[in-house]
């Protein structure tokens, strides 16, 4: 299971978050976290939200305000950028890059484990676990 990382001073010191809080107040606190969760589910490698329209993005993030307002705010604050086929979460590697790195590391470890022969300590039989 993947986990996003939120620094403990994120709400106070992240300038992107402060921009959202200034614009929307407290109701914006969870938006970047929801955005990172959505991107992790769709594209943990690079944070792309392909084939997403403004409406589907805002619906997925639980936005109930005026259509287009959240997209505009996320782009202006620096959390999101519009690309030809959807969106790209900005600074994905810096903010949530550990998700893909952990996945790659776990995959390598699993391949290495399954490629080795193991000896059962209670028997003399060799198994290929």
N, C-alpha and C. Protein backbone atom coordinates (compact mmCIF):
# COMPACT_ATOMS: atom_id res chain seq x y z
N UNK A 1 0.85 -1.18 0.00
CA UNK A 1 0.00 0.00 0.00
C UNK A 1 0.89 1.24 0.00
N UNK A 2 0.54 2.19 -0.81
CA UNK A 2 1.31 3.44 -0.91
C UNK A 2 0.80 4.44 0.12
N UNK A 3 1.71 5.29 0.56
CA UNK A 3 1.37 6.34 1.51
C UNK A 3 1.90 7.66 0.98
N UNK A 4 1.11 8.71 1.14
CA UNK A 4 1.61 10.03 0.80
C UNK A 4 2.29 10.60 2.04
N UNK A 5 3.19 11.54 1.83
CA UNK A 5 3.91 12.17 2.93
C UNK A 5 3.49 13.63 3.00
N UNK A 6 3.09 14.05 4.18
CA UNK A 6 2.73 15.45 4.40
C UNK A 6 3.63 15.97 5.52
N UNK A 7 4.50 16.92 5.20
CA UNK A 7 5.38 17.47 6.24
C UNK A 7 4.56 18.09 7.38
N UNK A 8 5.09 18.03 8.59
CA UNK A 8 4.32 18.51 9.74
C UNK A 8 4.07 20.02 9.69
N UNK A 9 4.88 20.76 8.96
CA UNK A 9 4.66 22.20 8.84
C UNK A 9 4.02 22.60 7.51
N UNK A 10 3.44 21.63 6.82
CA UNK A 10 2.86 21.86 5.50
C UNK A 10 1.83 22.99 5.49
N UNK A 11 0.93 22.99 6.44
CA UNK A 11 -0.15 23.98 6.43
C UNK A 11 0.33 25.38 6.79
N UNK A 12 1.41 25.47 7.53
CA UNK A 12 1.92 26.79 7.92
C UNK A 12 2.97 27.33 6.97
N UNK A 13 3.81 26.48 6.41
CA UNK A 13 4.97 26.98 5.68
C UNK A 13 4.94 26.78 4.17
N UNK A 14 4.13 25.91 3.66
CA UNK A 14 4.09 25.68 2.22
C UNK A 14 3.35 26.84 1.56
N UNK A 15 4.05 27.57 0.69
CA UNK A 15 3.44 28.76 0.07
C UNK A 15 2.24 28.40 -0.80
N UNK A 16 2.28 27.22 -1.42
CA UNK A 16 1.13 26.80 -2.24
C UNK A 16 -0.10 26.62 -1.37
N UNK A 17 0.11 26.00 -0.21
CA UNK A 17 -1.01 25.77 0.70
C UNK A 17 -1.55 27.08 1.25
N UNK A 18 -0.65 27.99 1.56
CA UNK A 18 -1.09 29.30 2.07
C UNK A 18 -1.93 30.03 1.02
N UNK A 19 -1.57 29.90 -0.26
CA UNK A 19 -2.36 30.53 -1.32
C UNK A 19 -3.77 29.96 -1.37
N UNK A 20 -3.88 28.64 -1.24
CA UNK A 20 -5.21 28.02 -1.24
C UNK A 20 -6.01 28.44 -0.01
N UNK A 21 -5.36 28.46 1.14
CA UNK A 21 -6.05 28.85 2.37
C UNK A 21 -6.52 30.31 2.30
N UNK A 22 -5.71 31.16 1.69
CA UNK A 22 -6.10 32.56 1.54
C UNK A 22 -7.33 32.67 0.64
N UNK A 23 -7.37 31.86 -0.38
CA UNK A 23 -8.48 31.94 -1.34
C UNK A 23 -9.76 31.29 -0.83
N UNK A 24 -9.63 30.12 -0.21
CA UNK A 24 -10.82 29.36 0.17
C UNK A 24 -11.02 29.17 1.67
N UNK A 25 -10.06 29.56 2.47
CA UNK A 25 -10.18 29.37 3.90
C UNK A 25 -9.96 27.91 4.29
N UNK A 26 -10.50 27.54 5.43
CA UNK A 26 -10.29 26.21 5.98
C UNK A 26 -10.81 25.08 5.12
N UNK A 27 -11.77 25.34 4.27
CA UNK A 27 -12.33 24.26 3.46
C UNK A 27 -11.34 23.72 2.43
N UNK A 28 -10.22 24.41 2.25
CA UNK A 28 -9.23 23.97 1.27
C UNK A 28 -8.15 23.08 1.87
N UNK A 29 -8.16 22.87 3.17
CA UNK A 29 -7.06 22.17 3.85
C UNK A 29 -6.80 20.78 3.28
N UNK A 30 -7.82 20.04 2.94
CA UNK A 30 -7.63 18.66 2.48
C UNK A 30 -7.40 18.55 0.98
N UNK A 31 -7.57 19.61 0.23
CA UNK A 31 -7.51 19.52 -1.23
C UNK A 31 -6.17 19.00 -1.77
N UNK A 32 -5.03 19.52 -1.34
CA UNK A 32 -3.77 18.97 -1.86
C UNK A 32 -3.58 17.50 -1.50
N UNK A 33 -4.01 17.12 -0.32
CA UNK A 33 -3.87 15.74 0.11
C UNK A 33 -4.76 14.84 -0.75
N UNK A 34 -5.97 15.27 -1.00
CA UNK A 34 -6.86 14.51 -1.89
C UNK A 34 -6.29 14.43 -3.30
N UNK A 35 -5.68 15.53 -3.76
CA UNK A 35 -5.06 15.55 -5.08
C UNK A 35 -3.92 14.53 -5.14
N UNK A 36 -3.06 14.50 -4.13
CA UNK A 36 -1.96 13.55 -4.10
C UNK A 36 -2.47 12.11 -4.04
N UNK A 37 -3.54 11.87 -3.28
CA UNK A 37 -4.10 10.52 -3.21
C UNK A 37 -4.65 10.08 -4.57
N UNK A 38 -5.36 10.98 -5.24
CA UNK A 38 -5.90 10.68 -6.56
C UNK A 38 -4.77 10.37 -7.55
N UNK A 39 -3.74 11.20 -7.55
CA UNK A 39 -2.62 10.99 -8.46
C UNK A 39 -1.88 9.69 -8.14
N UNK A 40 -1.77 9.35 -6.87
CA UNK A 40 -1.12 8.10 -6.48
C UNK A 40 -1.90 6.91 -7.00
N UNK A 41 -3.21 6.97 -6.95
CA UNK A 41 -4.04 5.88 -7.45
C UNK A 41 -3.95 5.76 -8.96
N UNK A 42 -3.90 6.88 -9.65
CA UNK A 42 -3.91 6.85 -11.11
C UNK A 42 -2.53 6.70 -11.74
N UNK A 43 -1.54 7.36 -11.19
CA UNK A 43 -0.23 7.35 -11.81
C UNK A 43 0.86 7.62 -10.78
N UNK A 44 1.20 6.61 -9.97
CA UNK A 44 2.18 6.82 -8.91
C UNK A 44 3.58 7.16 -9.42
N UNK A 45 3.85 6.84 -10.66
CA UNK A 45 5.19 7.11 -11.20
C UNK A 45 5.43 8.59 -11.40
N UNK A 46 4.46 9.29 -11.99
CA UNK A 46 4.72 10.70 -12.35
C UNK A 46 3.62 11.68 -11.96
N UNK A 47 2.55 11.22 -11.32
CA UNK A 47 1.51 12.12 -10.86
C UNK A 47 0.64 12.71 -11.96
N UNK A 48 0.52 12.03 -13.07
CA UNK A 48 -0.34 12.52 -14.16
C UNK A 48 -1.78 12.11 -13.93
N UNK A 49 -2.66 13.00 -14.26
CA UNK A 49 -4.09 12.71 -14.22
C UNK A 49 -4.58 12.80 -15.65
N UNK A 50 -4.32 11.75 -16.40
CA UNK A 50 -4.65 11.73 -17.82
C UNK A 50 -6.14 11.60 -18.04
N UNK A 51 -6.57 12.19 -19.13
CA UNK A 51 -7.97 12.09 -19.56
C UNK A 51 -8.95 12.63 -18.51
N UNK A 52 -8.53 13.60 -17.76
CA UNK A 52 -9.41 14.23 -16.76
C UNK A 52 -9.88 15.57 -17.28
N UNK A 53 -11.16 15.81 -17.15
CA UNK A 53 -11.70 17.14 -17.46
C UNK A 53 -11.76 17.92 -16.16
N UNK A 54 -12.03 19.20 -16.27
CA UNK A 54 -12.18 20.04 -15.08
C UNK A 54 -13.24 19.46 -14.16
N UNK A 55 -14.36 19.09 -14.74
CA UNK A 55 -15.48 18.57 -13.95
C UNK A 55 -15.12 17.26 -13.24
N UNK A 56 -14.48 16.33 -13.94
CA UNK A 56 -14.15 15.05 -13.30
C UNK A 56 -13.07 15.23 -12.24
N UNK A 57 -12.14 16.14 -12.48
CA UNK A 57 -11.12 16.41 -11.46
C UNK A 57 -11.76 16.97 -10.20
N UNK A 58 -12.58 17.98 -10.37
CA UNK A 58 -13.20 18.62 -9.20
C UNK A 58 -14.15 17.67 -8.48
N UNK A 59 -14.85 16.83 -9.21
CA UNK A 59 -15.71 15.84 -8.58
C UNK A 59 -14.88 14.84 -7.77
N UNK A 60 -13.78 14.37 -8.35
CA UNK A 60 -12.91 13.41 -7.67
C UNK A 60 -12.31 13.99 -6.39
N UNK A 61 -12.10 15.30 -6.37
CA UNK A 61 -11.53 15.95 -5.19
C UNK A 61 -12.60 16.39 -4.19
N UNK A 62 -13.86 16.13 -4.51
CA UNK A 62 -14.94 16.47 -3.61
C UNK A 62 -15.33 17.94 -3.61
N UNK A 63 -15.00 18.63 -4.68
CA UNK A 63 -15.29 20.06 -4.77
C UNK A 63 -16.77 20.29 -5.02
N UNK A 64 -17.37 21.21 -4.27
CA UNK A 64 -18.79 21.52 -4.44
C UNK A 64 -19.00 22.98 -4.84
N UNK A 65 -17.92 23.71 -5.03
CA UNK A 65 -18.02 25.11 -5.42
C UNK A 65 -18.27 25.28 -6.91
N UNK A 66 -18.07 26.49 -7.38
CA UNK A 66 -18.29 26.82 -8.79
C UNK A 66 -17.33 26.03 -9.68
N UNK A 67 -17.85 25.48 -10.78
CA UNK A 67 -17.02 24.68 -11.68
C UNK A 67 -15.91 25.53 -12.28
N UNK A 68 -14.72 24.98 -12.28
CA UNK A 68 -13.56 25.65 -12.82
C UNK A 68 -12.77 26.43 -11.78
N UNK A 69 -13.41 26.76 -10.68
CA UNK A 69 -12.77 27.56 -9.65
C UNK A 69 -11.62 26.80 -8.97
N UNK A 70 -11.84 25.52 -8.67
CA UNK A 70 -10.79 24.74 -8.01
C UNK A 70 -9.62 24.50 -8.95
N UNK A 71 -9.90 24.14 -10.19
CA UNK A 71 -8.83 23.92 -11.16
C UNK A 71 -7.96 25.17 -11.26
N UNK A 72 -8.59 26.31 -11.40
CA UNK A 72 -7.87 27.58 -11.50
C UNK A 72 -7.01 27.83 -10.25
N UNK A 73 -7.57 27.58 -9.09
CA UNK A 73 -6.85 27.82 -7.84
C UNK A 73 -5.66 26.88 -7.68
N UNK A 74 -5.83 25.60 -8.03
CA UNK A 74 -4.74 24.64 -7.91
C UNK A 74 -3.60 24.96 -8.87
N UNK A 75 -3.95 25.46 -10.05
CA UNK A 75 -2.93 25.85 -11.02
C UNK A 75 -2.21 27.11 -10.54
N UNK A 76 -2.97 28.12 -10.11
CA UNK A 76 -2.37 29.37 -9.62
C UNK A 76 -1.49 29.15 -8.39
N UNK A 77 -1.91 28.26 -7.51
CA UNK A 77 -1.14 28.00 -6.28
C UNK A 77 0.13 27.20 -6.57
N UNK A 78 0.14 26.45 -7.67
CA UNK A 78 1.33 25.68 -8.03
C UNK A 78 1.24 24.20 -7.73
N UNK A 79 0.05 23.69 -7.44
CA UNK A 79 -0.12 22.27 -7.20
C UNK A 79 -0.34 21.47 -8.47
N UNK A 80 -0.82 22.13 -9.51
CA UNK A 80 -1.29 21.42 -10.69
C UNK A 80 -0.92 22.21 -11.93
N UNK A 81 -0.73 21.50 -13.04
CA UNK A 81 -0.57 22.18 -14.33
C UNK A 81 -1.40 21.43 -15.36
N UNK A 82 -1.93 22.18 -16.31
CA UNK A 82 -2.72 21.63 -17.39
C UNK A 82 -1.76 21.12 -18.45
N UNK A 83 -1.98 19.89 -18.92
CA UNK A 83 -1.19 19.32 -20.01
C UNK A 83 -2.17 18.93 -21.12
N UNK A 84 -1.67 18.63 -22.32
CA UNK A 84 -2.59 18.36 -23.43
C UNK A 84 -3.66 17.31 -23.16
N UNK A 85 -3.35 16.28 -22.40
CA UNK A 85 -4.35 15.23 -22.14
C UNK A 85 -4.64 15.09 -20.66
N UNK A 86 -5.00 16.18 -20.01
CA UNK A 86 -5.35 16.11 -18.59
C UNK A 86 -4.54 17.08 -17.76
N UNK A 87 -3.99 16.56 -16.65
CA UNK A 87 -3.25 17.38 -15.70
C UNK A 87 -1.99 16.66 -15.26
N UNK A 88 -1.07 17.44 -14.73
CA UNK A 88 0.15 16.93 -14.12
C UNK A 88 0.27 17.58 -12.74
N UNK A 89 0.45 16.77 -11.70
CA UNK A 89 0.68 17.32 -10.37
C UNK A 89 2.10 17.88 -10.37
N UNK A 90 2.23 19.16 -10.08
CA UNK A 90 3.54 19.81 -10.10
C UNK A 90 4.39 19.34 -8.92
N UNK A 91 5.68 19.29 -9.16
CA UNK A 91 6.65 18.89 -8.14
C UNK A 91 6.36 17.50 -7.57
N UNK A 92 5.83 16.63 -8.40
CA UNK A 92 5.47 15.28 -7.95
C UNK A 92 6.67 14.55 -7.37
N UNK A 93 7.78 14.58 -8.08
CA UNK A 93 8.97 13.86 -7.61
C UNK A 93 9.42 14.39 -6.24
N UNK A 94 9.40 15.69 -6.08
CA UNK A 94 9.83 16.27 -4.80
C UNK A 94 8.85 15.96 -3.68
N UNK A 95 7.55 16.11 -3.95
CA UNK A 95 6.55 15.95 -2.89
C UNK A 95 6.19 14.49 -2.60
N UNK A 96 6.02 13.68 -3.64
CA UNK A 96 5.54 12.32 -3.44
C UNK A 96 6.34 11.27 -4.21
N UNK A 97 7.54 11.60 -4.61
CA UNK A 97 8.37 10.67 -5.38
C UNK A 97 8.70 9.38 -4.66
N UNK A 98 8.64 9.39 -3.35
CA UNK A 98 8.95 8.18 -2.59
C UNK A 98 7.96 7.08 -2.89
N UNK A 99 6.76 7.41 -3.36
CA UNK A 99 5.76 6.39 -3.66
C UNK A 99 6.28 5.45 -4.75
N UNK A 100 6.76 6.02 -5.84
CA UNK A 100 7.26 5.20 -6.93
C UNK A 100 8.58 4.53 -6.55
N UNK A 101 9.45 5.26 -5.88
CA UNK A 101 10.73 4.67 -5.46
C UNK A 101 10.50 3.47 -4.53
N UNK A 102 9.56 3.57 -3.62
CA UNK A 102 9.26 2.45 -2.72
C UNK A 102 8.69 1.27 -3.50
N UNK A 103 7.86 1.55 -4.48
CA UNK A 103 7.29 0.49 -5.32
C UNK A 103 8.40 -0.25 -6.07
N UNK A 104 9.32 0.50 -6.67
CA UNK A 104 10.42 -0.10 -7.41
C UNK A 104 11.30 -0.93 -6.47
N UNK A 105 11.61 -0.38 -5.31
CA UNK A 105 12.43 -1.09 -4.33
C UNK A 105 11.76 -2.39 -3.89
N UNK A 106 10.46 -2.35 -3.62
CA UNK A 106 9.74 -3.55 -3.20
C UNK A 106 9.68 -4.58 -4.32
N UNK A 107 9.52 -4.13 -5.55
CA UNK A 107 9.51 -5.05 -6.69
C UNK A 107 10.84 -5.75 -6.85
N UNK A 108 11.93 -5.00 -6.72
CA UNK A 108 13.28 -5.58 -6.82
C UNK A 108 13.51 -6.58 -5.69
N UNK A 109 13.07 -6.23 -4.50
CA UNK A 109 13.25 -7.13 -3.36
C UNK A 109 12.46 -8.42 -3.56
N UNK A 110 11.25 -8.31 -4.08
CA UNK A 110 10.42 -9.49 -4.31
C UNK A 110 11.05 -10.39 -5.37
N UNK A 111 11.57 -9.77 -6.46
CA UNK A 111 12.23 -10.57 -7.49
C UNK A 111 13.47 -11.26 -6.94
N UNK A 112 14.23 -10.54 -6.14
CA UNK A 112 15.44 -11.13 -5.55
C UNK A 112 15.07 -12.26 -4.61
N UNK A 113 14.02 -12.09 -3.82
CA UNK A 113 13.60 -13.12 -2.88
C UNK A 113 13.11 -14.36 -3.60
N UNK A 114 12.35 -14.18 -4.65
CA UNK A 114 11.80 -15.33 -5.37
C UNK A 114 12.84 -16.01 -6.25
N UNK A 115 13.92 -15.35 -6.48
CA UNK A 115 14.98 -15.93 -7.30
C UNK A 115 15.96 -16.75 -6.51
N UNK A 116 15.92 -16.70 -5.19
CA UNK A 116 16.88 -17.40 -4.33
C UNK A 116 16.29 -18.71 -3.83
N UNK A 117 17.14 -19.68 -3.61
CA UNK A 117 16.74 -20.91 -2.95
C UNK A 117 16.85 -20.70 -1.45
N UNK A 118 15.90 -21.22 -0.72
CA UNK A 118 15.95 -21.10 0.74
C UNK A 118 15.98 -22.49 1.35
N UNK A 119 16.58 -22.60 2.51
CA UNK A 119 16.65 -23.87 3.22
C UNK A 119 15.73 -23.79 4.42
N UNK A 120 14.85 -24.77 4.54
CA UNK A 120 13.95 -24.84 5.69
C UNK A 120 14.76 -25.34 6.89
N UNK A 121 14.78 -24.60 7.98
CA UNK A 121 15.58 -24.94 9.15
C UNK A 121 15.13 -26.21 9.82
N UNK A 122 13.90 -26.65 9.61
CA UNK A 122 13.38 -27.85 10.26
C UNK A 122 13.54 -29.07 9.39
N UNK A 123 14.04 -28.91 8.19
CA UNK A 123 14.17 -30.05 7.29
C UNK A 123 15.44 -29.90 6.47
N UNK A 124 15.75 -30.93 5.76
CA UNK A 124 16.92 -30.87 4.88
C UNK A 124 16.51 -30.55 3.45
N UNK A 125 15.22 -30.36 3.23
CA UNK A 125 14.72 -30.08 1.87
C UNK A 125 15.02 -28.64 1.49
N UNK A 126 15.32 -28.44 0.24
CA UNK A 126 15.55 -27.09 -0.29
C UNK A 126 14.31 -26.68 -1.05
N UNK A 127 13.82 -25.48 -0.78
CA UNK A 127 12.64 -24.99 -1.48
C UNK A 127 13.02 -23.76 -2.27
N UNK A 128 12.21 -23.44 -3.26
CA UNK A 128 12.41 -22.20 -4.02
C UNK A 128 11.24 -21.29 -3.70
N UNK A 129 11.36 -20.53 -2.62
CA UNK A 129 10.27 -19.68 -2.14
C UNK A 129 10.05 -18.49 -3.00
